[in-house]
Amino acid sequence: RKYKVACANCHGMSGDGRGVAGLWTDPHPRDFRSGKFKTATGAGAGTGRPRFDDLTRVITRGVPDTTMKGGTSVADARPLAGYTVFLSVRGEVELE
């Protein structure tokens, strides 16, 4: 439910980055289905695969110069990060 309320308008229900509001933002929201993310540290930095903490940090702090402003508590961000991981894994399997 939290993803539907807080994220789906831009990132889309399937995580494809084509939510209703996302069509009008610049830059466009990330497509989670590829499993590649802009912010990744540690071992995933070279592959674009973020750690769970990377996703939580982006959700809580937002992304500068985008419409993703952050402001979500860590307690609320953790389930959103988990669902983002689920969408990326599901998307990779579907594309395969």
PDB file of N, CA and C in Angstrom:
ATOM      1  N   ARG A   1       0.818  -1.205   0.000  1.00  0.00           N
ATOM      2  CA  ARG A   1       0.000   0.000   0.000  1.00  0.00           C
ATOM      3  C   ARG A   1       0.850   1.252   0.000  1.00  0.00           C
ATOM      4  N   LYS A   2       1.967   1.222   0.742  1.00  0.00           N
ATOM      5  CA  LYS A   2       2.817   2.417   0.803  1.00  0.00           C
ATOM      6  C   LYS A   2       3.398   2.745  -0.564  1.00  0.00           C
ATOM      7  N   TYR A   3       3.810   1.734  -1.300  1.00  0.00           N
ATOM      8  CA  TYR A   3       4.357   1.967  -2.638  1.00  0.00           C
ATOM      9  C   TYR A   3       3.284   2.589  -3.527  1.00  0.00           C
ATOM     10  N   LYS A   4       2.071   2.062  -3.457  1.00  0.00           N
ATOM     11  CA  LYS A   4       0.984   2.568  -4.295  1.00  0.00           C
ATOM     12  C   LYS A   4       0.717   4.042  -4.011  1.00  0.00           C
ATOM     13  N   VAL A   5       0.770   4.420  -2.755  1.00  0.00           N
ATOM     14  CA  VAL A   5       0.485   5.796  -2.363  1.00  0.00           C
ATOM     15  C   VAL A   5       1.664   6.727  -2.634  1.00  0.00           C
ATOM     16  N   ALA A   6       2.877   6.288  -2.280  1.00  0.00           N
ATOM     17  CA  ALA A   6       4.034   7.184  -2.303  1.00  0.00           C
ATOM     18  C   ALA A   6       4.849   7.132  -3.594  1.00  0.00           C
ATOM     19  N   CYS A   7       4.803   6.019  -4.331  1.00  0.00           N
ATOM     20  CA  CYS A   7       5.763   5.835  -5.427  1.00  0.00           C
ATOM     21  C   CYS A   7       5.129   5.581  -6.801  1.00  0.00           C
ATOM     22  N   ALA A   8       4.003   4.900  -6.831  1.00  0.00           N
ATOM     23  CA  ALA A   8       3.432   4.435  -8.098  1.00  0.00           C
ATOM     24  C   ALA A   8       3.029   5.567  -9.035  1.00  0.00           C
ATOM     25  N   ASN A   9       2.675   6.732  -8.497  1.00  0.00           N
ATOM     26  CA  ASN A   9       2.286   7.836  -9.375  1.00  0.00           C
ATOM     27  C   ASN A   9       3.396   8.205 -10.342  1.00  0.00           C
ATOM     28  N   CYS A  10       4.635   8.056  -9.918  1.00  0.00           N
ATOM     29  CA  CYS A  10       5.772   8.365 -10.798  1.00  0.00           C
ATOM     30  C   CYS A  10       6.414   7.101 -11.372  1.00  0.00           C
ATOM     31  N   HIS A  11       6.681   6.117 -10.516  1.00  0.00           N
ATOM     32  CA  HIS A  11       7.417   4.928 -10.941  1.00  0.00           C
ATOM     33  C   HIS A  11       6.528   3.852 -11.574  1.00  0.00           C
ATOM     34  N   GLY A  12       5.217   4.001 -11.495  1.00  0.00           N
ATOM     35  CA  GLY A  12       4.300   3.020 -12.067  1.00  0.00           C
ATOM     36  C   GLY A  12       4.124   1.822 -11.150  1.00  0.00           C
ATOM     37  N   MET A  13       2.988   1.149 -11.250  1.00  0.00           N
ATOM     38  CA  MET A  13       2.707  -0.003 -10.385  1.00  0.00           C
ATOM     39  C   MET A  13       3.672  -1.153 -10.640  1.00  0.00           C
ATOM     40  N   SER A  14       4.148  -1.309 -11.867  1.00  0.00           N
ATOM     41  CA  SER A  14       5.070  -2.399 -12.177  1.00  0.00           C
ATOM     42  C   SER A  14       6.523  -1.973 -12.020  1.00  0.00           C
ATOM     43  N   GLY A  15       6.761  -0.705 -11.668  1.00  0.00           N
ATOM     44  CA  GLY A  15       8.122  -0.208 -11.533  1.00  0.00           C
ATOM     45  C   GLY A  15       8.757   0.170 -12.855  1.00  0.00           C
ATOM     46  N   ASP A  16       7.944   0.379 -13.883  1.00  0.00           N
ATOM     47  CA  ASP A  16       8.469   0.670 -15.215  1.00  0.00           C
ATOM     48  C   ASP A  16       8.840   2.144 -15.431  1.00  0.00           C
ATOM     49  N   GLY A  17       8.621   2.993 -14.415  1.00  0.00           N
ATOM     50  CA  GLY A  17       8.951   4.407 -14.544  1.00  0.00           C
ATOM     51  C   GLY A  17       7.951   5.191 -15.359  1.00  0.00           C
ATOM     52  N   ARG A  18       6.781   4.601 -15.607  1.00  0.00           N
ATOM     53  CA  ARG A  18       5.782   5.261 -16.452  1.00  0.00           C
ATOM     54  C   ARG A  18       4.476   5.508 -15.695  1.00  0.00           C
ATOM     55  N   GLY A  19       4.601   5.943 -14.456  1.00  0.00           N
ATOM     56  CA  GLY A  19       3.415   6.332 -13.715  1.00  0.00           C
ATOM     57  C   GLY A  19       2.812   7.586 -14.319  1.00  0.00           C
ATOM     58  N   VAL A  20       1.580   7.886 -13.976  1.00  0.00           N
ATOM     59  CA  VAL A  20       0.865   9.022 -14.562  1.00  0.00           C
ATOM     60  C   VAL A  20       1.634  10.321 -14.356  1.00  0.00           C
ATOM     61  N   ALA A  21       2.092  10.588 -13.162  1.00  0.00           N
ATOM     62  CA  ALA A  21       2.829  11.831 -12.901  1.00  0.00           C
ATOM     63  C   ALA A  21       4.241  11.765 -13.465  1.00  0.00           C
ATOM     64  N   GLY A  22       4.805  10.580 -13.541  1.00  0.00           N
ATOM     65  CA  GLY A  22       6.172  10.423 -14.028  1.00  0.00           C
ATOM     66  C   GLY A  22       6.361  10.790 -15.478  1.00  0.00           C
ATOM     67  N   LEU A  23       5.290  10.733 -16.247  1.00  0.00           N
ATOM     68  CA  LEU A  23       5.378  11.081 -17.668  1.00  0.00           C
ATOM     69  C   LEU A  23       5.711  12.555 -17.868  1.00  0.00           C
ATOM     70  N   TRP A  24       5.433  13.371 -16.842  1.00  0.00           N
ATOM     71  CA  TRP A  24       5.606  14.812 -16.971  1.00  0.00           C
ATOM     72  C   TRP A  24       6.807  15.339 -16.198  1.00  0.00           C
ATOM     73  N   THR A  25       7.613  14.459 -15.627  1.00  0.00           N
ATOM     74  CA  THR A  25       8.768  14.921 -14.866  1.00  0.00           C
ATOM     75  C   THR A  25      10.042  14.819 -15.689  1.00  0.00           C
ATOM     76  N   ASP A  26      10.999  15.679 -15.349  1.00  0.00           N
ATOM     77  CA  ASP A  26      12.291  15.652 -16.016  1.00  0.00           C
ATOM     78  C   ASP A  26      13.366  15.761 -14.945  1.00  0.00           C
ATOM     79  N   PRO A  27      14.181  14.770 -14.799  1.00  0.00           N
ATOM     80  CA  PRO A  27      14.280  13.543 -15.583  1.00  0.00           C
ATOM     81  C   PRO A  27      13.155  12.572 -15.234  1.00  0.00           C
ATOM     82  N   HIS A  28      12.889  11.650 -16.143  1.00  0.00           N
ATOM     83  CA  HIS A  28      11.848  10.648 -15.917  1.00  0.00           C
ATOM     84  C   HIS A  28      12.247   9.725 -14.770  1.00  0.00           C
ATOM     85  N   PRO A  29      11.268   9.184 -14.055  1.00  0.00           N
ATOM     86  CA  PRO A  29      11.571   8.264 -12.949  1.00  0.00           C
ATOM     87  C   PRO A  29      12.283   7.001 -13.434  1.00  0.00           C
ATOM     88  N   ARG A  30      13.049   6.426 -12.556  1.00  0.00           N
ATOM     89  CA  ARG A  30      13.815   5.215 -12.860  1.00  0.00           C
ATOM     90  C   ARG A  30      12.884   4.048 -13.146  1.00  0.00           C
ATOM     91  N   ASP A  31      13.277   3.235 -14.109  1.00  0.00           N
ATOM     92  CA  ASP A  31      12.618   1.966 -14.428  1.00  0.00           C
ATOM     93  C   ASP A  31      13.321   0.891 -13.601  1.00  0.00           C
ATOM     94  N   PHE A  32      12.659   0.390 -12.580  1.00  0.00           N
ATOM     95  CA  PHE A  32      13.261  -0.588 -11.671  1.00  0.00           C
ATOM     96  C   PHE A  32      13.451  -1.953 -12.315  1.00  0.00           C
ATOM     97  N   ARG A  33      12.720  -2.233 -13.389  1.00  0.00           N
ATOM     98  CA  ARG A  33      12.678  -3.587 -13.954  1.00  0.00           C
ATOM     99  C   ARG A  33      14.019  -4.070 -14.507  1.00  0.00           C
ATOM    100  N   SER A  34      14.921  -3.158 -14.812  1.00  0.00           N
ATOM    101  CA  SER A  34      16.218  -3.573 -15.357  1.00  0.00           C
ATOM    102  C   SER A  34      17.164  -4.052 -14.265  1.00  0.00           C
ATOM    103  N   GLY A  35      16.864  -3.713 -13.008  1.00  0.00           N
ATOM    104  CA  GLY A  35      17.743  -4.083 -11.907  1.00  0.00           C
ATOM    105  C   GLY A  35      18.936  -3.167 -11.766  1.00  0.00           C
ATOM    106  N   LYS A  36      19.018  -2.115 -12.573  1.00  0.00           N
ATOM    107  CA  LYS A  36      20.132  -1.159 -12.535  1.00  0.00           C
ATOM    108  C   LYS A  36      19.655   0.140 -11.883  1.00  0.00           C
ATOM    109  N   PHE A  37      20.495   0.658 -11.007  1.00  0.00           N
ATOM    110  CA  PHE A  37      20.152   1.869 -10.289  1.00  0.00           C
ATOM    111  C   PHE A  37      21.295   2.859 -10.370  1.00  0.00           C
ATOM    112  N   LYS A  38      20.977   4.128 -10.254  1.00  0.00           N
ATOM    113  CA  LYS A  38      21.980   5.181 -10.370  1.00  0.00           C
ATOM    114  C   LYS A  38      22.880   5.218  -9.135  1.00  0.00           C
ATOM    115  N   THR A  39      22.304   5.007  -7.967  1.00  0.00           N
ATOM    116  CA  THR A  39      23.051   5.102  -6.720  1.00  0.00           C
ATOM    117  C   THR A  39      23.323   3.717  -6.170  1.00  0.00           C
ATOM    118  N   ALA A  40      24.574   3.304  -6.253  1.00  0.00           N
ATOM    119  CA  ALA A  40      24.985   2.011  -5.703  1.00  0.00           C
ATOM    120  C   ALA A  40      26.376   2.165  -5.114  1.00  0.00           C
ATOM    121  N   THR A  41      26.583   1.613  -3.938  1.00  0.00           N
ATOM    122  CA  THR A  41      27.889   1.680  -3.289  1.00  0.00           C
ATOM    123  C   THR A  41      28.374   0.265  -3.013  1.00  0.00           C
ATOM    124  N   GLY A  42      29.568   0.169  -2.495  1.00  0.00           N
ATOM    125  CA  GLY A  42      30.121  -1.140  -2.160  1.00  0.00           C
ATOM    126  C   GLY A  42      30.352  -1.972  -3.402  1.00  0.00           C
ATOM    127  N   ALA A  43      30.135  -3.268  -3.281  1.00  0.00           N
ATOM    128  CA  ALA A  43      30.375  -4.201  -4.385  1.00  0.00           C
ATOM    129  C   ALA A  43      29.474  -3.925  -5.583  1.00  0.00           C
ATOM    130  N   GLY A  44      28.320  -3.331  -5.363  1.00  0.00           N
ATOM    131  CA  GLY A  44      27.386  -3.066  -6.454  1.00  0.00           C
ATOM    132  C   GLY A  44      27.673  -1.806  -7.237  1.00  0.00           C
ATOM    133  N   ALA A  45      28.663  -1.031  -6.816  1.00  0.00           N
ATOM    134  CA  ALA A  45      28.934   0.245  -7.480  1.00  0.00           C
ATOM    135  C   ALA A  45      29.277   0.065  -8.957  1.00  0.00           C
ATOM    136  N   GLY A  46      30.005  -0.975  -9.296  1.00  0.00           N
ATOM    137  CA  GLY A  46      30.385  -1.195 -10.690  1.00  0.00           C
ATOM    138  C   GLY A  46      29.283  -1.787 -11.538  1.00  0.00           C
ATOM    139  N   THR A  47      28.315  -2.438 -10.906  1.00  0.00           N
ATOM    140  CA  THR A  47      27.255  -3.119 -11.644  1.00  0.00           C
ATOM    141  C   THR A  47      25.938  -2.352 -11.651  1.00  0.00           C
ATOM    142  N   GLY A  48      25.802  -1.339 -10.786  1.00  0.00           N
ATOM    143  CA  GLY A  48      24.545  -0.610 -10.687  1.00  0.00           C
ATOM    144  C   GLY A  48      23.534  -1.301  -9.807  1.00  0.00           C
ATOM    145  N   ARG A  49      23.977  -2.307  -9.081  1.00  0.00           N
ATOM    146  CA  ARG A  49      23.083  -3.011  -8.157  1.00  0.00           C
ATOM    147  C   ARG A  49      23.312  -2.492  -6.741  1.00  0.00           C
ATOM    148  N   PRO A  50      22.351  -1.753  -6.213  1.00  0.00           N
ATOM    149  CA  PRO A  50      22.543  -1.116  -4.913  1.00  0.00           C
ATOM    150  C   PRO A  50      22.373  -2.088  -3.749  1.00  0.00           C
ATOM    151  N   ARG A  51      22.946  -1.693  -2.637  1.00  0.00           N
ATOM    152  CA  ARG A  51      22.685  -2.398  -1.388  1.00  0.00           C
ATOM    153  C   ARG A  51      21.322  -1.926  -0.889  1.00  0.00           C
ATOM    154  N   PHE A  52      20.745  -2.702   0.015  1.00  0.00           N
ATOM    155  CA  PHE A  52      19.449  -2.343   0.592  1.00  0.00           C
ATOM    156  C   PHE A  52      19.548  -0.968   1.253  1.00  0.00           C
ATOM    157  N   ASP A  53      20.655  -0.715   1.937  1.00  0.00           N
ATOM    158  CA  ASP A  53      20.848   0.580   2.596  1.00  0.00           C
ATOM    159  C   ASP A  53      20.933   1.724   1.590  1.00  0.00           C
ATOM    160  N   ASP A  54      21.464   1.464   0.401  1.00  0.00           N
ATOM    161  CA  ASP A  54      21.505   2.493  -0.647  1.00  0.00           C
ATOM    162  C   ASP A  54      20.087   2.914  -1.022  1.00  0.00           C
ATOM    163  N   LEU A  55      19.226   1.931  -1.229  1.00  0.00           N
ATOM    164  CA  LEU A  55      17.837   2.237  -1.600  1.00  0.00           C
ATOM    165  C   LEU A  55      17.127   2.977  -0.470  1.00  0.00           C
ATOM    166  N   THR A  56      17.333   2.533   0.748  1.00  0.00           N
ATOM    167  CA  THR A  56      16.707   3.190   1.900  1.00  0.00           C
ATOM    168  C   THR A  56      17.166   4.639   1.990  1.00  0.00           C
ATOM    169  N   ARG A  57      18.446   4.882   1.771  1.00  0.00           N
ATOM    170  CA  ARG A  57      18.992   6.242   1.819  1.00  0.00           C
ATOM    171  C   ARG A  57      18.377   7.125   0.735  1.00  0.00           C
ATOM    172  N   VAL A  58      18.242   6.604  -0.459  1.00  0.00           N
ATOM    173  CA  VAL A  58      17.650   7.392  -1.547  1.00  0.00           C
ATOM    174  C   VAL A  58      16.190   7.720  -1.234  1.00  0.00           C
ATOM    175  N   ILE A  59      15.470   6.769  -0.696  1.00  0.00           N
ATOM    176  CA  ILE A  59      14.058   6.996  -0.378  1.00  0.00           C
ATOM    177  C   ILE A  59      13.912   8.023   0.740  1.00  0.00           C
ATOM    178  N   THR A  60      14.782   7.982   1.738  1.00  0.00           N
ATOM    179  CA  THR A  60      14.663   8.925   2.854  1.00  0.00           C
ATOM    180  C   THR A  60      15.188  10.311   2.501  1.00  0.00           C
ATOM    181  N   ARG A  61      16.256  10.389   1.735  1.00  0.00           N
ATOM    182  CA  ARG A  61      16.879  11.681   1.432  1.00  0.00           C
ATOM    183  C   ARG A  61      16.418  12.295   0.122  1.00  0.00           C
ATOM    184  N   GLY A  62      15.914  11.476  -0.792  1.00  0.00           N
ATOM    185  CA  GLY A  62      15.518  11.982  -2.093  1.00  0.00           C
ATOM    186  C   GLY A  62      16.696  12.022  -3.048  1.00  0.00           C
ATOM    187  N   VAL A  63      16.459  12.560  -4.229  1.00  0.00           N
ATOM    188  CA  VAL A  63      17.486  12.671  -5.263  1.00  0.00           C
ATOM    189  C   VAL A  63      17.556  14.131  -5.689  1.00  0.00           C
ATOM    190  N   PRO A  64      18.729  14.774  -5.511  1.00  0.00           N
ATOM    191  CA  PRO A  64      18.839  16.192  -5.877  1.00  0.00           C
ATOM    192  C   PRO A  64      18.489  16.434  -7.350  1.00  0.00           C
ATOM    193  N   ASP A  65      17.905  17.569  -7.610  1.00  0.00           N
ATOM    194  CA  ASP A  65      17.543  18.014  -8.963  1.00  0.00           C
ATOM    195  C   ASP A  65      16.521  17.121  -9.650  1.00  0.00           C
ATOM    196  N   THR A  66      15.702  16.427  -8.849  1.00  0.00           N
ATOM    197  CA  THR A  66      14.600  15.630  -9.387  1.00  0.00           C
ATOM    198  C   THR A  66      13.346  15.941  -8.574  1.00  0.00           C
ATOM    199  N   THR A  67      12.233  15.352  -8.960  1.00  0.00           N
ATOM    200  CA  THR A  67      11.000  15.543  -8.200  1.00  0.00           C
ATOM    201  C   THR A  67      10.921  14.615  -6.992  1.00  0.00           C
ATOM    202  N   MET A  68      11.891  13.711  -6.827  1.00  0.00           N
ATOM    203  CA  MET A  68      11.916  12.820  -5.664  1.00  0.00           C
ATOM    204  C   MET A  68      12.620  13.548  -4.525  1.00  0.00           C
ATOM    205  N   LYS A  69      11.824  14.099  -3.635  1.00  0.00           N
ATOM    206  CA  LYS A  69      12.345  14.979  -2.595  1.00  0.00           C
ATOM    207  C   LYS A  69      12.738  14.267  -1.307  1.00  0.00           C
ATOM    208  N   GLY A  70      12.287  13.062  -1.075  1.00  0.00           N
ATOM    209  CA  GLY A  70      12.623  12.378   0.173  1.00  0.00           C
ATOM    210  C   GLY A  70      11.712  12.818   1.297  1.00  0.00           C
ATOM    211  N   GLY A  71      12.223  12.732   2.530  1.00  0.00           N
ATOM    212  CA  GLY A  71      11.421  13.103   3.685  1.00  0.00           C
ATOM    213  C   GLY A  71      10.703  11.925   4.312  1.00  0.00           C
ATOM    214  N   THR A  72      10.900  10.724   3.779  1.00  0.00           N
ATOM    215  CA  THR A  72      10.288   9.524   4.328  1.00  0.00           C
ATOM    216  C   THR A  72      11.131   9.027   5.491  1.00  0.00           C
ATOM    217  N   SER A  73      10.497   8.569   6.545  1.00  0.00           N
ATOM    218  CA  SER A  73      11.242   8.033   7.683  1.00  0.00           C
ATOM    219  C   SER A  73      11.902   6.717   7.297  1.00  0.00           C
ATOM    220  N   VAL A  74      12.955   6.351   8.012  1.00  0.00           N
ATOM    221  CA  VAL A  74      13.648   5.091   7.752  1.00  0.00           C
ATOM    222  C   VAL A  74      12.695   3.919   7.943  1.00  0.00           C
ATOM    223  N   ALA A  75      11.834   4.007   8.953  1.00  0.00           N
ATOM    224  CA  ALA A  75      10.869   2.926   9.205  1.00  0.00           C
ATOM    225  C   ALA A  75       9.927   2.728   8.021  1.00  0.00           C
ATOM    226  N   ASP A  76       9.525   3.798   7.364  1.00  0.00           N
ATOM    227  CA  ASP A  76       8.655   3.695   6.192  1.00  0.00           C
ATOM    228  C   ASP A  76       9.447   3.362   4.931  1.00  0.00           C
ATOM    229  N   ALA A  77      10.713   3.785   4.881  1.00  0.00           N
ATOM    230  CA  ALA A  77      11.529   3.567   3.688  1.00  0.00           C
ATOM    231  C   ALA A  77      11.953   2.111   3.522  1.00  0.00           C
ATOM    232  N   ARG A  78      12.145   1.389   4.604  1.00  0.00           N
ATOM    233  CA  ARG A  78      12.630   0.010   4.510  1.00  0.00           C
ATOM    234  C   ARG A  78      11.662  -0.890   3.738  1.00  0.00           C
ATOM    235  N   PRO A  79      10.353  -0.885   4.031  1.00  0.00           N
ATOM    236  CA  PRO A  79       9.454  -1.718   3.214  1.00  0.00           C
ATOM    237  C   PRO A  79       9.378  -1.244   1.761  1.00  0.00           C
ATOM    238  N   LEU A  80       9.516   0.057   1.527  1.00  0.00           N
ATOM    239  CA  LEU A  80       9.519   0.567   0.154  1.00  0.00           C
ATOM    240  C   LEU A  80      10.763   0.083  -0.584  1.00  0.00           C
ATOM    241  N   ALA A  81      11.899   0.064   0.097  1.00  0.00           N
ATOM    242  CA  ALA A  81      13.128  -0.449  -0.508  1.00  0.00           C
ATOM    243  C   ALA A  81      12.974  -1.935  -0.827  1.00  0.00           C
ATOM    244  N   GLY A  82      12.366  -2.683   0.081  1.00  0.00           N
ATOM    245  CA  GLY A  82      12.139  -4.103  -0.166  1.00  0.00           C
ATOM    246  C   GLY A  82      11.249  -4.339  -1.371  1.00  0.00           C
ATOM    247  N   TYR A  83      10.215  -3.538  -1.507  1.00  0.00           N
ATOM    248  CA  TYR A  83       9.320  -3.695  -2.648  1.00  0.00           C
ATOM    249  C   TYR A  83      10.017  -3.289  -3.946  1.00  0.00           C
ATOM    250  N   THR A  84      10.895  -2.302  -3.868  1.00  0.00           N
ATOM    251  CA  THR A  84      11.677  -1.902  -5.037  1.00  0.00           C
ATOM    252  C   THR A  84      12.582  -3.039  -5.495  1.00  0.00           C
ATOM    253  N   VAL A  85      13.199  -3.734  -4.547  1.00  0.00           N
ATOM    254  CA  VAL A  85      14.026  -4.900  -4.878  1.00  0.00           C
ATOM    255  C   VAL A  85      13.164  -5.968  -5.546  1.00  0.00           C
ATOM    256  N   PHE A  86      11.981  -6.217  -4.986  1.00  0.00           N
ATOM    257  CA  PHE A  86      11.066  -7.194  -5.574  1.00  0.00           C
ATOM    258  C   PHE A  86      10.730  -6.824  -7.019  1.00  0.00           C
ATOM    259  N   LEU A  87      10.404  -5.557  -7.266  1.00  0.00           N
ATOM    260  CA  LEU A  87      10.062  -5.132  -8.624  1.00  0.00           C
ATOM    261  C   LEU A  87      11.235  -5.306  -9.579  1.00  0.00           C
ATOM    262  N   SER A  88      12.452  -5.035  -9.108  1.00  0.00           N
ATOM    263  CA  SER A  88      13.602  -5.160  -9.984  1.00  0.00           C
ATOM    264  C   SER A  88      13.890  -6.617 -10.310  1.00  0.00           C
ATOM    265  N   VAL A  89      13.765  -7.507  -9.316  1.00  0.00           N
ATOM    266  CA  VAL A  89      13.994  -8.941  -9.561  1.00  0.00           C
ATOM    267  C   VAL A  89      12.910  -9.484 -10.497  1.00  0.00           C
ATOM    268  N   ARG A  90      11.670  -9.122 -10.218  1.00  0.00           N
ATOM    269  CA  ARG A  90      10.572  -9.571 -11.072  1.00  0.00           C
ATOM    270  C   ARG A  90      10.746  -9.079 -12.505  1.00  0.00           C
ATOM    271  N   GLY A  91      11.146  -7.827 -12.644  1.00  0.00           N
ATOM    272  CA  GLY A  91      11.354  -7.256 -13.980  1.00  0.00           C
ATOM    273  C   GLY A  91      12.462  -7.948 -14.727  1.00  0.00           C
ATOM    274  N   GLU A  92      13.545  -8.268 -14.047  1.00  0.00           N
ATOM    275  CA  GLU A  92      14.654  -8.960 -14.694  1.00  0.00           C
ATOM    276  C   GLU A  92      14.222 -10.349 -15.175  1.00  0.00           C
ATOM    277  N   VAL A  93      13.442 -11.049 -14.344  1.00  0.00           N
ATOM    278  CA  VAL A  93      12.962 -12.384 -14.716  1.00  0.00           C
ATOM    279  C   VAL A  93      12.023 -12.284 -15.904  1.00  0.00           C
ATOM    280  N   GLU A  94      11.123 -11.318 -15.902  1.00  0.00           N
ATOM    281  CA  GLU A  94      10.191 -11.148 -17.013  1.00  0.00           C
ATOM    282  C   GLU A  94      10.911 -10.802 -18.310  1.00  0.00           C
ATOM    283  N   LEU A  95      11.938  -9.982 -18.243  1.00  0.00           N
ATOM    284  CA  LEU A  95      12.683  -9.605 -19.444  1.00  0.00           C
ATOM    285  C   LEU A  95      13.490 -10.784 -19.992  1.00  0.00           C
ATOM    286  N   GLU A  96      13.932 -11.634 -19.077  1.00  0.00           N
ATOM    287  CA  GLU A  96      14.688 -12.816 -19.503  1.00  0.00           C
ATOM    288  C   GLU A  96      13.794 -13.775 -20.251  1.00  0.00           C
TER     289      GLU A  96
END
